[in-house]
Amino acid sequence: MEVLTTVSTAKKDFVKAFHPAKIIDYKQEDVTKAVLEYTDGQGVDLIINTVGSKEAKLDLTKRLAYNGELVCLVEVPKVDDPTWLFENGLSLSALNLGGAHGR
């Protein structure tokens, strides 16, 4: 398994400690282009979206491989035409963590 990650310029050094296969600086690079170059045009098998659809600006039809899966920890992206999920064989999983309460 290889991990690609997107980070801002300010967090690159922190993320290096985890030794991902590729660090993509979304402020300096075209994320879709970097993903496709790294995967020889195939896309990735899994995207874990932790920031929400508005902030992420995901280009899912290009970044995910056929039969890939998108896991959203915050909110599911809104799309005009949801048939792209079926055309690309994608899976979409949503997880709402809600709040944690302790005493």
PDB file of N, CA and C in Angstrom:
ATOM      1  N   MET A   1       0.838  -1.168   0.000  1.00  0.00           N
ATOM      2  CA  MET A   1       0.000   0.000   0.000  1.00  0.00           C
ATOM      3  C   MET A   1       0.889   1.240   0.000  1.00  0.00           C
ATOM      4  N   GLU A   2       0.538   2.172  -0.853  1.00  0.00           N
ATOM      5  CA  GLU A   2       1.242   3.444  -0.901  1.00  0.00           C
ATOM      6  C   GLU A   2       0.259   4.548  -0.536  1.00  0.00           C
ATOM      7  N   VAL A   3       0.732   5.512   0.223  1.00  0.00           N
ATOM      8  CA  VAL A   3      -0.113   6.614   0.663  1.00  0.00           C
ATOM      9  C   VAL A   3       0.342   7.902  -0.006  1.00  0.00           C
ATOM     10  N   LEU A   4      -0.605   8.568  -0.649  1.00  0.00           N
ATOM     11  CA  LEU A   4      -0.383   9.906  -1.176  1.00  0.00           C
ATOM     12  C   LEU A   4      -1.170  10.835  -0.272  1.00  0.00           C
ATOM     13  N   THR A   5      -0.634  11.998  -0.007  1.00  0.00           N
ATOM     14  CA  THR A   5      -1.351  12.930   0.860  1.00  0.00           C
ATOM     15  C   THR A   5      -1.268  14.335   0.302  1.00  0.00           C
ATOM     16  N   THR A   6      -2.301  15.101   0.580  1.00  0.00           N
ATOM     17  CA  THR A   6      -2.302  16.511   0.210  1.00  0.00           C
ATOM     18  C   THR A   6      -2.180  17.337   1.476  1.00  0.00           C
ATOM     19  N   VAL A   7      -1.335  18.348   1.410  1.00  0.00           N
ATOM     20  CA  VAL A   7      -1.126  19.228   2.556  1.00  0.00           C
ATOM     21  C   VAL A   7      -0.870  20.646   2.063  1.00  0.00           C
ATOM     22  N   SER A   8      -1.001  21.581   2.987  1.00  0.00           N
ATOM     23  CA  SER A   8      -0.596  22.950   2.676  1.00  0.00           C
ATOM     24  C   SER A   8       0.915  23.045   2.857  1.00  0.00           C
ATOM     25  N   THR A   9       1.501  24.070   2.298  1.00  0.00           N
ATOM     26  CA  THR A   9       2.948  24.272   2.378  1.00  0.00           C
ATOM     27  C   THR A   9       3.425  24.253   3.828  1.00  0.00           C
ATOM     28  N   ALA A  10       2.672  24.850   4.711  1.00  0.00           N
ATOM     29  CA  ALA A  10       3.069  24.965   6.114  1.00  0.00           C
ATOM     30  C   ALA A  10       3.152  23.618   6.834  1.00  0.00           C
ATOM     31  N   LYS A  11       2.440  22.619   6.352  1.00  0.00           N
ATOM     32  CA  LYS A  11       2.395  21.324   7.053  1.00  0.00           C
ATOM     33  C   LYS A  11       3.259  20.242   6.415  1.00  0.00           C
ATOM     34  N   LYS A  12       3.991  20.579   5.353  1.00  0.00           N
ATOM     35  CA  LYS A  12       4.804  19.576   4.653  1.00  0.00           C
ATOM     36  C   LYS A  12       5.820  18.896   5.561  1.00  0.00           C
ATOM     37  N   ASP A  13       6.562  19.678   6.341  1.00  0.00           N
ATOM     38  CA  ASP A  13       7.590  19.093   7.206  1.00  0.00           C
ATOM     39  C   ASP A  13       6.988  18.158   8.244  1.00  0.00           C
ATOM     40  N   PHE A  14       5.842  18.515   8.795  1.00  0.00           N
ATOM     41  CA  PHE A  14       5.173  17.662   9.782  1.00  0.00           C
ATOM     42  C   PHE A  14       4.791  16.321   9.150  1.00  0.00           C
ATOM     43  N   VAL A  15       4.242  16.357   7.956  1.00  0.00           N
ATOM     44  CA  VAL A  15       3.766  15.148   7.285  1.00  0.00           C
ATOM     45  C   VAL A  15       4.915  14.244   6.847  1.00  0.00           C
ATOM     46  N   LYS A  16       6.076  14.808   6.553  1.00  0.00           N
ATOM     47  CA  LYS A  16       7.232  14.002   6.134  1.00  0.00           C
ATOM     48  C   LYS A  16       7.586  12.928   7.156  1.00  0.00           C
ATOM     49  N   ALA A  17       7.339  13.185   8.434  1.00  0.00           N
ATOM     50  CA  ALA A  17       7.656  12.230   9.497  1.00  0.00           C
ATOM     51  C   ALA A  17       6.865  10.923   9.360  1.00  0.00           C
ATOM     52  N   PHE A  18       5.754  10.949   8.631  1.00  0.00           N
ATOM     53  CA  PHE A  18       4.924   9.762   8.442  1.00  0.00           C
ATOM     54  C   PHE A  18       5.322   8.971   7.194  1.00  0.00           C
ATOM     55  N   HIS A  19       6.273   9.481   6.426  1.00  0.00           N
ATOM     56  CA  HIS A  19       6.832   8.812   5.249  1.00  0.00           C
ATOM     57  C   HIS A  19       5.803   8.384   4.204  1.00  0.00           C
ATOM     58  N   PRO A  20       4.951   9.313   3.774  1.00  0.00           N
ATOM     59  CA  PRO A  20       4.050   8.936   2.676  1.00  0.00           C
ATOM     60  C   PRO A  20       4.839   8.759   1.385  1.00  0.00           C
ATOM     61  N   ALA A  21       4.274   8.011   0.462  1.00  0.00           N
ATOM     62  CA  ALA A  21       4.944   7.801  -0.826  1.00  0.00           C
ATOM     63  C   ALA A  21       5.036   9.105  -1.606  1.00  0.00           C
ATOM     64  N   LYS A  22       4.042   9.968  -1.458  1.00  0.00           N
ATOM     65  CA  LYS A  22       4.027  11.243  -2.176  1.00  0.00           C
ATOM     66  C   LYS A  22       3.292  12.284  -1.347  1.00  0.00           C
ATOM     67  N   ILE A  23       3.890  13.453  -1.246  1.00  0.00           N
ATOM     68  CA  ILE A  23       3.263  14.600  -0.597  1.00  0.00           C
ATOM     69  C   ILE A  23       2.931  15.605  -1.693  1.00  0.00           C
ATOM     70  N   ILE A  24       1.669  15.981  -1.778  1.00  0.00           N
ATOM     71  CA  ILE A  24       1.221  16.941  -2.778  1.00  0.00           C
ATOM     72  C   ILE A  24       0.813  18.229  -2.067  1.00  0.00           C
ATOM     73  N   ASP A  25       1.506  19.301  -2.371  1.00  0.00           N
ATOM     74  CA  ASP A  25       1.201  20.612  -1.792  1.00  0.00           C
ATOM     75  C   ASP A  25       0.082  21.237  -2.622  1.00  0.00           C
ATOM     76  N   TYR A  26      -1.138  21.205  -2.082  1.00  0.00           N
ATOM     77  CA  TYR A  26      -2.285  21.661  -2.866  1.00  0.00           C
ATOM     78  C   TYR A  26      -2.274  23.163  -3.125  1.00  0.00           C
ATOM     79  N   LYS A  27      -1.432  23.905  -2.425  1.00  0.00           N
ATOM     80  CA  LYS A  27      -1.323  25.347  -2.675  1.00  0.00           C
ATOM     81  C   LYS A  27      -0.357  25.641  -3.819  1.00  0.00           C
ATOM     82  N   GLN A  28       0.539  24.685  -4.101  1.00  0.00           N
ATOM     83  CA  GLN A  28       1.561  24.894  -5.122  1.00  0.00           C
ATOM     84  C   GLN A  28       1.394  23.996  -6.347  1.00  0.00           C
ATOM     85  N   GLU A  29       0.629  22.913  -6.228  1.00  0.00           N
ATOM     86  CA  GLU A  29       0.531  21.929  -7.298  1.00  0.00           C
ATOM     87  C   GLU A  29      -0.915  21.683  -7.702  1.00  0.00           C
ATOM     88  N   ASP A  30      -1.100  21.217  -8.909  1.00  0.00           N
ATOM     89  CA  ASP A  30      -2.397  20.749  -9.374  1.00  0.00           C
ATOM     90  C   ASP A  30      -2.547  19.317  -8.840  1.00  0.00           C
ATOM     91  N   VAL A  31      -3.437  19.124  -7.885  1.00  0.00           N
ATOM     92  CA  VAL A  31      -3.559  17.830  -7.212  1.00  0.00           C
ATOM     93  C   VAL A  31      -3.958  16.731  -8.194  1.00  0.00           C
ATOM     94  N   THR A  32      -4.923  16.992  -9.025  1.00  0.00           N
ATOM     95  CA  THR A  32      -5.362  15.974  -9.987  1.00  0.00           C
ATOM     96  C   THR A  32      -4.217  15.562 -10.891  1.00  0.00           C
ATOM     97  N   LYS A  33      -3.478  16.521 -11.403  1.00  0.00           N
ATOM     98  CA  LYS A  33      -2.339  16.222 -12.277  1.00  0.00           C
ATOM     99  C   LYS A  33      -1.289  15.389 -11.539  1.00  0.00           C
ATOM    100  N   ALA A  34      -0.978  15.755 -10.301  1.00  0.00           N
ATOM    101  CA  ALA A  34       0.024  15.024  -9.519  1.00  0.00           C
ATOM    102  C   ALA A  34      -0.420  13.585  -9.249  1.00  0.00           C
ATOM    103  N   VAL A  35      -1.695  13.395  -8.927  1.00  0.00           N
ATOM    104  CA  VAL A  35      -2.223  12.048  -8.678  1.00  0.00           C
ATOM    105  C   VAL A  35      -2.133  11.207  -9.944  1.00  0.00           C
ATOM    106  N   LEU A  36      -2.559  11.772 -11.054  1.00  0.00           N
ATOM    107  CA  LEU A  36      -2.543  11.015 -12.306  1.00  0.00           C
ATOM    108  C   LEU A  36      -1.127  10.706 -12.773  1.00  0.00           C
ATOM    109  N   GLU A  37      -0.204  11.617 -12.579  1.00  0.00           N
ATOM    110  CA  GLU A  37       1.199  11.348 -12.934  1.00  0.00           C
ATOM    111  C   GLU A  37       1.754  10.227 -12.079  1.00  0.00           C
ATOM    112  N   TYR A  38       1.494  10.267 -10.779  1.00  0.00           N
ATOM    113  CA  TYR A  38       2.029   9.260  -9.860  1.00  0.00           C
ATOM    114  C   TYR A  38       1.446   7.869 -10.141  1.00  0.00           C
ATOM    115  N   THR A  39       0.172   7.832 -10.550  1.00  0.00           N
ATOM    116  CA  THR A  39      -0.508   6.549 -10.758  1.00  0.00           C
ATOM    117  C   THR A  39      -0.580   6.145 -12.225  1.00  0.00           C
ATOM    118  N   ASP A  40       0.238   6.759 -13.062  1.00  0.00           N
ATOM    119  CA  ASP A  40       0.244   6.460 -14.495  1.00  0.00           C
ATOM    120  C   ASP A  40      -1.148   6.581 -15.113  1.00  0.00           C
ATOM    121  N   GLY A  41      -1.887   7.598 -14.684  1.00  0.00           N
ATOM    122  CA  GLY A  41      -3.196   7.880 -15.243  1.00  0.00           C
ATOM    123  C   GLY A  41      -4.339   7.046 -14.704  1.00  0.00           C
ATOM    124  N   GLN A  42      -4.046   6.152 -13.745  1.00  0.00           N
ATOM    125  CA  GLN A  42      -5.083   5.247 -13.237  1.00  0.00           C
ATOM    126  C   GLN A  42      -5.932   5.849 -12.121  1.00  0.00           C
ATOM    127  N   GLY A  43      -5.388   6.763 -11.353  1.00  0.00           N
ATOM    128  CA  GLY A  43      -6.093   7.288 -10.184  1.00  0.00           C
ATOM    129  C   GLY A  43      -5.846   6.414  -8.971  1.00  0.00           C
ATOM    130  N   VAL A  44      -6.328   6.834  -7.836  1.00  0.00           N
ATOM    131  CA  VAL A  44      -6.102   6.105  -6.581  1.00  0.00           C
ATOM    132  C   VAL A  44      -7.312   5.239  -6.240  1.00  0.00           C
ATOM    133  N   ASP A  45      -7.091   4.230  -5.429  1.00  0.00           N
ATOM    134  CA  ASP A  45      -8.158   3.301  -5.047  1.00  0.00           C
ATOM    135  C   ASP A  45      -9.043   3.851  -3.935  1.00  0.00           C
ATOM    136  N   LEU A  46      -8.511   4.759  -3.139  1.00  0.00           N
ATOM    137  CA  LEU A  46      -9.258   5.264  -1.982  1.00  0.00           C
ATOM    138  C   LEU A  46      -8.892   6.715  -1.727  1.00  0.00           C
ATOM    139  N   ILE A  47      -9.907   7.529  -1.524  1.00  0.00           N
ATOM    140  CA  ILE A  47      -9.702   8.903  -1.056  1.00  0.00           C
ATOM    141  C   ILE A  47     -10.420   9.024   0.270  1.00  0.00           C
ATOM    142  N   ILE A  48      -9.721   9.506   1.276  1.00  0.00           N
ATOM    143  CA  ILE A  48     -10.337   9.799   2.567  1.00  0.00           C
ATOM    144  C   ILE A  48     -10.398  11.311   2.680  1.00  0.00           C
ATOM    145  N   ASN A  49     -11.601  11.844   2.624  1.00  0.00           N
ATOM    146  CA  ASN A  49     -11.822  13.283   2.657  1.00  0.00           C
ATOM    147  C   ASN A  49     -12.163  13.704   4.082  1.00  0.00           C
ATOM    148  N   THR A  50     -11.276  14.459   4.692  1.00  0.00           N
ATOM    149  CA  THR A  50     -11.475  14.878   6.084  1.00  0.00           C
ATOM    150  C   THR A  50     -11.833  16.348   6.215  1.00  0.00           C
ATOM    151  N   VAL A  51     -11.954  17.066   5.093  1.00  0.00           N
ATOM    152  CA  VAL A  51     -12.182  18.517   5.189  1.00  0.00           C
ATOM    153  C   VAL A  51     -13.538  18.972   4.689  1.00  0.00           C
ATOM    154  N   GLY A  52     -14.322  18.119   4.082  1.00  0.00           N
ATOM    155  CA  GLY A  52     -15.626  18.522   3.567  1.00  0.00           C
ATOM    156  C   GLY A  52     -15.571  18.834   2.089  1.00  0.00           C
ATOM    157  N   SER A  53     -16.711  18.752   1.445  1.00  0.00           N
ATOM    158  CA  SER A  53     -16.735  18.880  -0.013  1.00  0.00           C
ATOM    159  C   SER A  53     -16.455  20.288  -0.501  1.00  0.00           C
ATOM    160  N   LYS A  54     -16.897  21.297   0.202  1.00  0.00           N
ATOM    161  CA  LYS A  54     -16.676  22.666  -0.265  1.00  0.00           C
ATOM    162  C   LYS A  54     -15.193  23.013  -0.264  1.00  0.00           C
ATOM    163  N   GLU A  55     -14.484  22.632   0.766  1.00  0.00           N
ATOM    164  CA  GLU A  55     -13.068  22.948   0.881  1.00  0.00           C
ATOM    165  C   GLU A  55     -12.205  22.062  -0.008  1.00  0.00           C
ATOM    166  N   ALA A  56     -12.575  20.831  -0.171  1.00  0.00           N
ATOM    167  CA  ALA A  56     -11.730  19.880  -0.881  1.00  0.00           C
ATOM    168  C   ALA A  56     -11.706  20.095  -2.384  1.00  0.00           C
ATOM    169  N   LYS A  57     -12.779  20.536  -2.956  1.00  0.00           N
ATOM    170  CA  LYS A  57     -12.868  20.744  -4.404  1.00  0.00           C
ATOM    171  C   LYS A  57     -12.379  19.496  -5.153  1.00  0.00           C
ATOM    172  N   LEU A  58     -12.912  18.375  -4.782  1.00  0.00           N
ATOM    173  CA  LEU A  58     -12.467  17.098  -5.338  1.00  0.00           C
ATOM    174  C   LEU A  58     -12.865  16.935  -6.798  1.00  0.00           C
ATOM    175  N   ASP A  59     -11.932  16.504  -7.608  1.00  0.00           N
ATOM    176  CA  ASP A  59     -12.208  16.153  -8.990  1.00  0.00           C
ATOM    177  C   ASP A  59     -12.223  14.624  -9.049  1.00  0.00           C
ATOM    178  N   LEU A  60     -13.276  14.056  -8.476  1.00  0.00           N
ATOM    179  CA  LEU A  60     -13.325  12.619  -8.228  1.00  0.00           C
ATOM    180  C   LEU A  60     -13.288  11.773  -9.483  1.00  0.00           C
ATOM    181  N   THR A  61     -13.931  12.209 -10.533  1.00  0.00           N
ATOM    182  CA  THR A  61     -13.989  11.367 -11.717  1.00  0.00           C
ATOM    183  C   THR A  61     -12.614  11.166 -12.335  1.00  0.00           C
ATOM    184  N   LYS A  62     -11.665  12.025 -12.005  1.00  0.00           N
ATOM    185  CA  LYS A  62     -10.303  11.875 -12.525  1.00  0.00           C
ATOM    186  C   LYS A  62      -9.358  11.287 -11.476  1.00  0.00           C
ATOM    187  N   ARG A  63      -9.527  11.628 -10.222  1.00  0.00           N
ATOM    188  CA  ARG A  63      -8.580  11.197  -9.184  1.00  0.00           C
ATOM    189  C   ARG A  63      -8.791   9.766  -8.711  1.00  0.00           C
ATOM    190  N   LEU A  64     -10.022   9.279  -8.749  1.00  0.00           N
ATOM    191  CA  LEU A  64     -10.302   7.919  -8.285  1.00  0.00           C
ATOM    192  C   LEU A  64     -10.185   6.918  -9.429  1.00  0.00           C
ATOM    193  N   ALA A  65      -9.587   5.784  -9.128  1.00  0.00           N
ATOM    194  CA  ALA A  65      -9.509   4.695 -10.102  1.00  0.00           C
ATOM    195  C   ALA A  65     -10.890   4.077 -10.274  1.00  0.00           C
ATOM    196  N   TYR A  66     -11.065   3.334 -11.364  1.00  0.00           N
ATOM    197  CA  TYR A  66     -12.304   2.592 -11.557  1.00  0.00           C
ATOM    198  C   TYR A  66     -12.505   1.674 -10.360  1.00  0.00           C
ATOM    199  N   ASN A  67     -13.699   1.636  -9.818  1.00  0.00           N
ATOM    200  CA  ASN A  67     -14.046   0.881  -8.605  1.00  0.00           C
ATOM    201  C   ASN A  67     -13.374   1.452  -7.361  1.00  0.00           C
ATOM    202  N   GLY A  68     -12.930   2.699  -7.419  1.00  0.00           N
ATOM    203  CA  GLY A  68     -12.347   3.338  -6.247  1.00  0.00           C
ATOM    204  C   GLY A  68     -13.417   3.692  -5.235  1.00  0.00           C
ATOM    205  N   GLU A  69     -12.977   4.130  -4.065  1.00  0.00           N
ATOM    206  CA  GLU A  69     -13.927   4.482  -3.011  1.00  0.00           C
ATOM    207  C   GLU A  69     -13.576   5.830  -2.413  1.00  0.00           C
ATOM    208  N   LEU A  70     -14.607   6.618  -2.185  1.00  0.00           N
ATOM    209  CA  LEU A  70     -14.482   7.889  -1.502  1.00  0.00           C
ATOM    210  C   LEU A  70     -15.087   7.736  -0.120  1.00  0.00           C
ATOM    211  N   VAL A  71     -14.310   8.019   0.913  1.00  0.00           N
ATOM    212  CA  VAL A  71     -14.799   8.010   2.287  1.00  0.00           C
ATOM    213  C   VAL A  71     -14.809   9.452   2.763  1.00  0.00           C
ATOM    214  N   CYS A  72     -15.981   9.928   3.149  1.00  0.00           N
ATOM    215  CA  CYS A  72     -16.129  11.308   3.624  1.00  0.00           C
ATOM    216  C   CYS A  72     -16.342  11.288   5.127  1.00  0.00           C
ATOM    217  N   LEU A  73     -15.458  11.943   5.857  1.00  0.00           N
ATOM    218  CA  LEU A  73     -15.593  12.009   7.298  1.00  0.00           C
ATOM    219  C   LEU A  73     -16.438  13.208   7.727  1.00  0.00           C
ATOM    220  N   VAL A  74     -16.670  14.129   6.818  1.00  0.00           N
ATOM    221  CA  VAL A  74     -17.400  15.332   7.188  1.00  0.00           C
ATOM    222  C   VAL A  74     -18.700  15.452   6.410  1.00  0.00           C
ATOM    223  N   GLU A  75     -18.604  15.685   5.122  1.00  0.00           N
ATOM    224  CA  GLU A  75     -19.825  15.834   4.324  1.00  0.00           C
ATOM    225  C   GLU A  75     -19.602  15.266   2.937  1.00  0.00           C
ATOM    226  N   VAL A  76     -20.648  14.710   2.374  1.00  0.00           N
ATOM    227  CA  VAL A  76     -20.594  14.097   1.059  1.00  0.00           C
ATOM    228  C   VAL A  76     -20.631  15.192  -0.001  1.00  0.00           C
ATOM    229  N   PRO A  77     -19.794  15.097  -1.031  1.00  0.00           N
ATOM    230  CA  PRO A  77     -19.808  16.123  -2.072  1.00  0.00           C
ATOM    231  C   PRO A  77     -21.155  16.182  -2.794  1.00  0.00           C
ATOM    232  N   LYS A  78     -21.563  17.372  -3.123  1.00  0.00           N
ATOM    233  CA  LYS A  78     -22.800  17.559  -3.882  1.00  0.00           C
ATOM    234  C   LYS A  78     -22.438  17.639  -5.359  1.00  0.00           C
ATOM    235  N   VAL A  79     -23.104  16.834  -6.150  1.00  0.00           N
ATOM    236  CA  VAL A  79     -22.834  16.819  -7.592  1.00  0.00           C
ATOM    237  C   VAL A  79     -24.142  17.038  -8.352  1.00  0.00           C
ATOM    238  N   ASP A  80     -24.042  17.670  -9.510  1.00  0.00           N
ATOM    239  CA  ASP A  80     -25.231  17.924 -10.332  1.00  0.00           C
ATOM    240  C   ASP A  80     -25.803  16.632 -10.908  1.00  0.00           C
ATOM    241  N   ASP A  81     -24.922  15.703 -11.253  1.00  0.00           N
ATOM    242  CA  ASP A  81     -25.345  14.466 -11.889  1.00  0.00           C
ATOM    243  C   ASP A  81     -24.741  13.276 -11.156  1.00  0.00           C
ATOM    244  N   PRO A  82     -25.488  12.650 -10.236  1.00  0.00           N
ATOM    245  CA  PRO A  82     -24.929  11.543  -9.441  1.00  0.00           C
ATOM    246  C   PRO A  82     -24.672  10.267 -10.233  1.00  0.00           C
ATOM    247  N   THR A  83     -25.049  10.225 -11.504  1.00  0.00           N
ATOM    248  CA  THR A  83     -24.809   9.008 -12.294  1.00  0.00           C
ATOM    249  C   THR A  83     -23.328   8.740 -12.493  1.00  0.00           C
ATOM    250  N   TRP A  84     -22.463   9.752 -12.279  1.00  0.00           N
ATOM    251  CA  TRP A  84     -21.022   9.527 -12.433  1.00  0.00           C
ATOM    252  C   TRP A  84     -20.519   8.462 -11.468  1.00  0.00           C
ATOM    253  N   LEU A  85     -21.215   8.293 -10.337  1.00  0.00           N
ATOM    254  CA  LEU A  85     -20.830   7.230  -9.408  1.00  0.00           C
ATOM    255  C   LEU A  85     -20.927   5.872 -10.098  1.00  0.00           C
ATOM    256  N   PHE A  86     -22.014   5.646 -10.800  1.00  0.00           N
ATOM    257  CA  PHE A  86     -22.245   4.348 -11.435  1.00  0.00           C
ATOM    258  C   PHE A  86     -21.380   4.172 -12.679  1.00  0.00           C
ATOM    259  N   GLU A  87     -21.179   5.238 -13.427  1.00  0.00           N
ATOM    260  CA  GLU A  87     -20.377   5.156 -14.640  1.00  0.00           C
ATOM    261  C   GLU A  87     -18.925   4.801 -14.331  1.00  0.00           C
ATOM    262  N   ASN A  88     -18.452   5.210 -13.170  1.00  0.00           N
ATOM    263  CA  ASN A  88     -17.069   4.950 -12.798  1.00  0.00           C
ATOM    264  C   ASN A  88     -16.934   3.818 -11.778  1.00  0.00           C
ATOM    265  N   GLY A  89     -18.035   3.182 -11.432  1.00  0.00           N
ATOM    266  CA  GLY A  89     -17.989   2.067 -10.496  1.00  0.00           C
ATOM    267  C   GLY A  89     -17.506   2.472  -9.119  1.00  0.00           C
ATOM    268  N   LEU A  90     -17.801   3.692  -8.703  1.00  0.00           N
ATOM    269  CA  LEU A  90     -17.279   4.189  -7.439  1.00  0.00           C
ATOM    270  C   LEU A  90     -18.179   3.836  -6.270  1.00  0.00           C
ATOM    271  N   SER A  91     -17.577   3.736  -5.101  1.00  0.00           N
ATOM    272  CA  SER A  91     -18.320   3.571  -3.864  1.00  0.00           C
ATOM    273  C   SER A  91     -18.187   4.860  -3.072  1.00  0.00           C
ATOM    274  N   LEU A  92     -19.240   5.217  -2.378  1.00  0.00           N
ATOM    275  CA  LEU A  92     -19.240   6.424  -1.570  1.00  0.00           C
ATOM    276  C   LEU A  92     -19.665   6.048  -0.169  1.00  0.00           C
ATOM    277  N   SER A  93     -18.811   6.326   0.806  1.00  0.00           N
ATOM    278  CA  SER A  93     -19.117   6.033   2.196  1.00  0.00           C
ATOM    279  C   SER A  93     -19.066   7.326   2.986  1.00  0.00           C
ATOM    280  N   ALA A  94     -20.045   7.533   3.835  1.00  0.00           N
ATOM    281  CA  ALA A  94     -20.082   8.742   4.659  1.00  0.00           C
ATOM    282  C   ALA A  94     -20.075   8.339   6.126  1.00  0.00           C
ATOM    283  N   LEU A  95     -19.326   9.071   6.898  1.00  0.00           N
ATOM    284  CA  LEU A  95     -19.228   8.810   8.325  1.00  0.00           C
ATOM    285  C   LEU A  95     -19.330  10.137   9.048  1.00  0.00           C
ATOM    286  N   ASN A  96     -20.311  10.263   9.913  1.00  0.00           N
ATOM    287  CA  ASN A  96     -20.461  11.473  10.696  1.00  0.00           C
ATOM    288  C   ASN A  96     -20.041  11.145  12.117  1.00  0.00           C
ATOM    289  N   LEU A  97     -18.940  11.726  12.537  1.00  0.00           N
ATOM    290  CA  LEU A  97     -18.415  11.407  13.854  1.00  0.00           C
ATOM    291  C   LEU A  97     -19.203  12.072  14.984  1.00  0.00           C
ATOM    292  N   GLY A  98     -19.941  13.128  14.670  1.00  0.00           N
ATOM    293  CA  GLY A  98     -20.725  13.799  15.697  1.00  0.00           C
ATOM    294  C   GLY A  98     -19.829  14.389  16.762  1.00  0.00           C
ATOM    295  N   GLY A  99     -20.318  14.489  17.954  1.00  0.00           N
ATOM    296  CA  GLY A  99     -19.524  15.063  19.045  1.00  0.00           C
ATOM    297  C   GLY A  99     -19.124  13.999  20.043  1.00  0.00           C
ATOM    298  N   ALA A 100     -18.021  14.237  20.698  1.00  0.00           N
ATOM    299  CA  ALA A 100     -17.559  13.327  21.755  1.00  0.00           C
ATOM    300  C   ALA A 100     -17.713  14.062  23.075  1.00  0.00           C
ATOM    301  N   HIS A 101     -18.314  13.393  24.020  1.00  0.00           N
ATOM    302  CA  HIS A 101     -18.554  14.018  25.315  1.00  0.00           C
ATOM    303  C   HIS A 101     -17.883  13.212  26.403  1.00  0.00           C
ATOM    304  N   GLY A 102     -17.269  13.893  27.315  1.00  0.00           N
ATOM    305  CA  GLY A 102     -16.611  13.209  28.427  1.00  0.00           C
ATOM    306  C   GLY A 102     -16.772  14.018  29.698  1.00  0.00           C
ATOM    307  N   ARG A 103     -16.490  13.380  30.816  1.00  0.00           N
ATOM    308  CA  ARG A 103     -16.586  14.082  32.106  1.00  0.00           C
ATOM    309  C   ARG A 103     -15.231  14.150  32.737  1.00  0.00           C
TER     310      ARG A 103
END
